[in-house]
Amino acid sequence: MSPLTPVRRPWTVDEQKKLDDLLNAGKTAAEIATALERTPTSIYSRLQRLYRKQPRPGRPRMVEIGLRARK
Protein backbone atom coordinates (compact mmCIF):
# COMPACT_ATOMS: atom_id res chain seq x y z
CA MET A 1 0.00 0.00 0.00
CA SER A 2 1.16 3.49 -0.73
CA PRO A 3 1.42 6.03 2.09
CA LEU A 4 -1.66 7.80 0.67
CA THR A 5 -3.89 4.73 0.90
CA PRO A 6 -6.08 4.84 4.00
CA VAL A 7 -5.89 1.96 6.43
CA ARG A 8 -8.92 -0.28 6.25
CA ARG A 9 -10.41 -1.18 9.61
CA PRO A 10 -12.53 -4.31 9.84
CA TRP A 11 -16.07 -3.84 11.16
CA THR A 12 -16.58 -5.02 14.72
CA VAL A 13 -19.75 -6.60 16.07
CA ASP A 14 -20.38 -3.47 18.17
CA GLU A 15 -20.03 -1.20 15.14
CA GLN A 16 -22.41 -3.37 13.17
CA LYS A 17 -24.99 -3.21 15.96
CA LYS A 18 -24.61 0.56 16.19
CA LEU A 19 -24.98 0.81 12.39
CA ASP A 20 -28.24 -1.17 12.59
CA ASP A 21 -29.50 1.01 15.45
CA LEU A 22 -28.67 4.24 13.59
CA LEU A 23 -30.34 2.98 10.41
CA ASN A 24 -33.47 2.06 12.34
CA ALA A 25 -33.43 5.52 13.94
CA GLY A 26 -33.57 7.06 10.45
CA LYS A 27 -30.11 8.65 10.46
CA THR A 28 -28.45 9.67 7.21
CA ALA A 29 -25.24 8.09 5.94
CA ALA A 30 -23.30 11.25 6.87
CA GLU A 31 -24.64 11.17 10.44
CA ILE A 32 -23.83 7.47 10.73
CA ALA A 33 -20.30 8.06 9.44
CA THR A 34 -19.72 10.72 12.08
CA ALA A 35 -21.10 8.55 14.88
CA LEU A 36 -18.94 5.57 13.87
CA GLU A 37 -15.86 7.66 13.06
CA ARG A 38 -15.73 6.32 9.52
CA THR A 39 -16.06 7.91 6.11
CA PRO A 40 -19.40 8.13 4.32
CA THR A 41 -17.85 5.96 1.59
CA SER A 42 -17.15 3.19 4.10
CA ILE A 43 -20.79 3.35 5.25
CA TYR A 44 -22.02 3.12 1.66
CA SER A 45 -19.73 0.17 0.97
CA ARG A 46 -20.80 -1.66 4.11
CA LEU A 47 -24.48 -1.17 3.34
CA GLN A 48 -24.06 -2.34 -0.24
CA ARG A 49 -22.28 -5.46 0.99
CA LEU A 50 -25.02 -6.15 3.56
CA TYR A 51 -27.85 -5.60 1.09
CA ARG A 52 -26.18 -7.91 -1.42
CA LYS A 53 -25.63 -10.69 1.11
CA GLN A 54 -28.98 -10.74 2.84
CA PRO A 55 -31.85 -8.44 1.99
CA ARG A 56 -33.80 -7.72 5.15
CA PRO A 57 -37.46 -6.80 5.03
CA GLY A 58 -38.29 -3.54 6.73
CA ARG A 59 -34.88 -1.95 6.09
CA PRO A 60 -34.95 1.60 4.75
CA ARG A 61 -34.26 1.96 1.07
CA MET A 62 -30.78 3.20 0.13
CA VAL A 63 -32.21 6.53 -1.06
CA GLU A 64 -33.72 7.18 2.37
CA ILE A 65 -30.29 7.30 4.04
CA GLY A 66 -28.74 9.68 1.57
CA LEU A 67 -27.44 7.28 -1.09
CA ARG A 68 -27.84 8.32 -4.68
CA ALA A 69 -28.28 5.95 -7.58
CA ARG A 70 -25.68 6.08 -10.32
CA LYS A 71 -26.88 7.37 -13.67
C-alpha atoms as a PDB file:
ATOM      1  CA  MET A   1       0.000   0.000   0.000  1.00  0.00           C
ATOM      2  CA  SER A   2       1.155   3.487  -0.726  1.00  0.00           C
ATOM      3  CA  PRO A   3       1.420   6.031   2.094  1.00  0.00           C
ATOM      4  CA  LEU A   4      -1.657   7.796   0.668  1.00  0.00           C
ATOM      5  CA  THR A   5      -3.891   4.731   0.898  1.00  0.00           C
ATOM      6  CA  PRO A   6      -6.075   4.841   4.000  1.00  0.00           C
ATOM      7  CA  VAL A   7      -5.886   1.960   6.426  1.00  0.00           C
ATOM      8  CA  ARG A   8      -8.923  -0.280   6.246  1.00  0.00           C
ATOM      9  CA  ARG A   9     -10.414  -1.184   9.607  1.00  0.00           C
ATOM     10  CA  PRO A  10     -12.535  -4.306   9.842  1.00  0.00           C
ATOM     11  CA  TRP A  11     -16.072  -3.843  11.159  1.00  0.00           C
ATOM     12  CA  THR A  12     -16.578  -5.015  14.724  1.00  0.00           C
ATOM     13  CA  VAL A  13     -19.750  -6.596  16.066  1.00  0.00           C
ATOM     14  CA  ASP A  14     -20.376  -3.472  18.172  1.00  0.00           C
ATOM     15  CA  GLU A  15     -20.029  -1.199  15.139  1.00  0.00           C
ATOM     16  CA  GLN A  16     -22.409  -3.375  13.166  1.00  0.00           C
ATOM     17  CA  LYS A  17     -24.993  -3.209  15.962  1.00  0.00           C
ATOM     18  CA  LYS A  18     -24.606   0.563  16.190  1.00  0.00           C
ATOM     19  CA  LEU A  19     -24.981   0.809  12.387  1.00  0.00           C
ATOM     20  CA  ASP A  20     -28.235  -1.165  12.595  1.00  0.00           C
ATOM     21  CA  ASP A  21     -29.498   1.014  15.447  1.00  0.00           C
ATOM     22  CA  LEU A  22     -28.674   4.238  13.592  1.00  0.00           C
ATOM     23  CA  LEU A  23     -30.341   2.977  10.409  1.00  0.00           C
ATOM     24  CA  ASN A  24     -33.466   2.056  12.339  1.00  0.00           C
ATOM     25  CA  ALA A  25     -33.428   5.517  13.937  1.00  0.00           C
ATOM     26  CA  GLY A  26     -33.573   7.064  10.451  1.00  0.00           C
ATOM     27  CA  LYS A  27     -30.114   8.655  10.462  1.00  0.00           C
ATOM     28  CA  THR A  28     -28.449   9.670   7.207  1.00  0.00           C
ATOM     29  CA  ALA A  29     -25.241   8.091   5.945  1.00  0.00           C
ATOM     30  CA  ALA A  30     -23.297  11.249   6.872  1.00  0.00           C
ATOM     31  CA  GLU A  31     -24.637  11.168  10.444  1.00  0.00           C
ATOM     32  CA  ILE A  32     -23.828   7.470  10.729  1.00  0.00           C
ATOM     33  CA  ALA A  33     -20.301   8.058   9.437  1.00  0.00           C
ATOM     34  CA  THR A  34     -19.716  10.720  12.079  1.00  0.00           C
ATOM     35  CA  ALA A  35     -21.098   8.545  14.877  1.00  0.00           C
ATOM     36  CA  LEU A  36     -18.941   5.568  13.871  1.00  0.00           C
ATOM     37  CA  GLU A  37     -15.858   7.664  13.059  1.00  0.00           C
ATOM     38  CA  ARG A  38     -15.731   6.320   9.520  1.00  0.00           C
ATOM     39  CA  THR A  39     -16.065   7.911   6.112  1.00  0.00           C
ATOM     40  CA  PRO A  40     -19.405   8.125   4.317  1.00  0.00           C
ATOM     41  CA  THR A  41     -17.852   5.962   1.593  1.00  0.00           C
ATOM     42  CA  SER A  42     -17.154   3.187   4.095  1.00  0.00           C
ATOM     43  CA  ILE A  43     -20.788   3.349   5.255  1.00  0.00           C
ATOM     44  CA  TYR A  44     -22.025   3.122   1.660  1.00  0.00           C
ATOM     45  CA  SER A  45     -19.727   0.167   0.973  1.00  0.00           C
ATOM     46  CA  ARG A  46     -20.803  -1.662   4.115  1.00  0.00           C
ATOM     47  CA  LEU A  47     -24.485  -1.172   3.340  1.00  0.00           C
ATOM     48  CA  GLN A  48     -24.058  -2.340  -0.243  1.00  0.00           C
ATOM     49  CA  ARG A  49     -22.284  -5.461   0.991  1.00  0.00           C
ATOM     50  CA  LEU A  50     -25.017  -6.147   3.557  1.00  0.00           C
ATOM     51  CA  TYR A  51     -27.850  -5.599   1.094  1.00  0.00           C
ATOM     52  CA  ARG A  52     -26.184  -7.907  -1.424  1.00  0.00           C
ATOM     53  CA  LYS A  53     -25.630 -10.689   1.111  1.00  0.00           C
ATOM     54  CA  GLN A  54     -28.984 -10.741   2.837  1.00  0.00           C
ATOM     55  CA  PRO A  55     -31.852  -8.444   1.994  1.00  0.00           C
ATOM     56  CA  ARG A  56     -33.796  -7.717   5.152  1.00  0.00           C
ATOM     57  CA  PRO A  57     -37.459  -6.800   5.031  1.00  0.00           C
ATOM     58  CA  GLY A  58     -38.290  -3.540   6.727  1.00  0.00           C
ATOM     59  CA  ARG A  59     -34.883  -1.955   6.091  1.00  0.00           C
ATOM     60  CA  PRO A  60     -34.952   1.601   4.750  1.00  0.00           C
ATOM     61  CA  ARG A  61     -34.259   1.964   1.074  1.00  0.00           C
ATOM     62  CA  MET A  62     -30.782   3.201   0.130  1.00  0.00           C
ATOM     63  CA  VAL A  63     -32.211   6.532  -1.060  1.00  0.00           C
ATOM     64  CA  GLU A  64     -33.720   7.177   2.375  1.00  0.00           C
ATOM     65  CA  ILE A  65     -30.291   7.296   4.037  1.00  0.00           C
ATOM     66  CA  GLY A  66     -28.743   9.679   1.572  1.00  0.00           C
ATOM     67  CA  LEU A  67     -27.439   7.284  -1.086  1.00  0.00           C
ATOM     68  CA  ARG A  68     -27.844   8.315  -4.680  1.00  0.00           C
ATOM     69  CA  ALA A  69     -28.280   5.952  -7.581  1.00  0.00           C
ATOM     70  CA  ARG A  70     -25.685   6.081 -10.322  1.00  0.00           C
ATOM     71  CA  LYS A  71     -26.879   7.373 -13.671  1.00  0.00           C
END
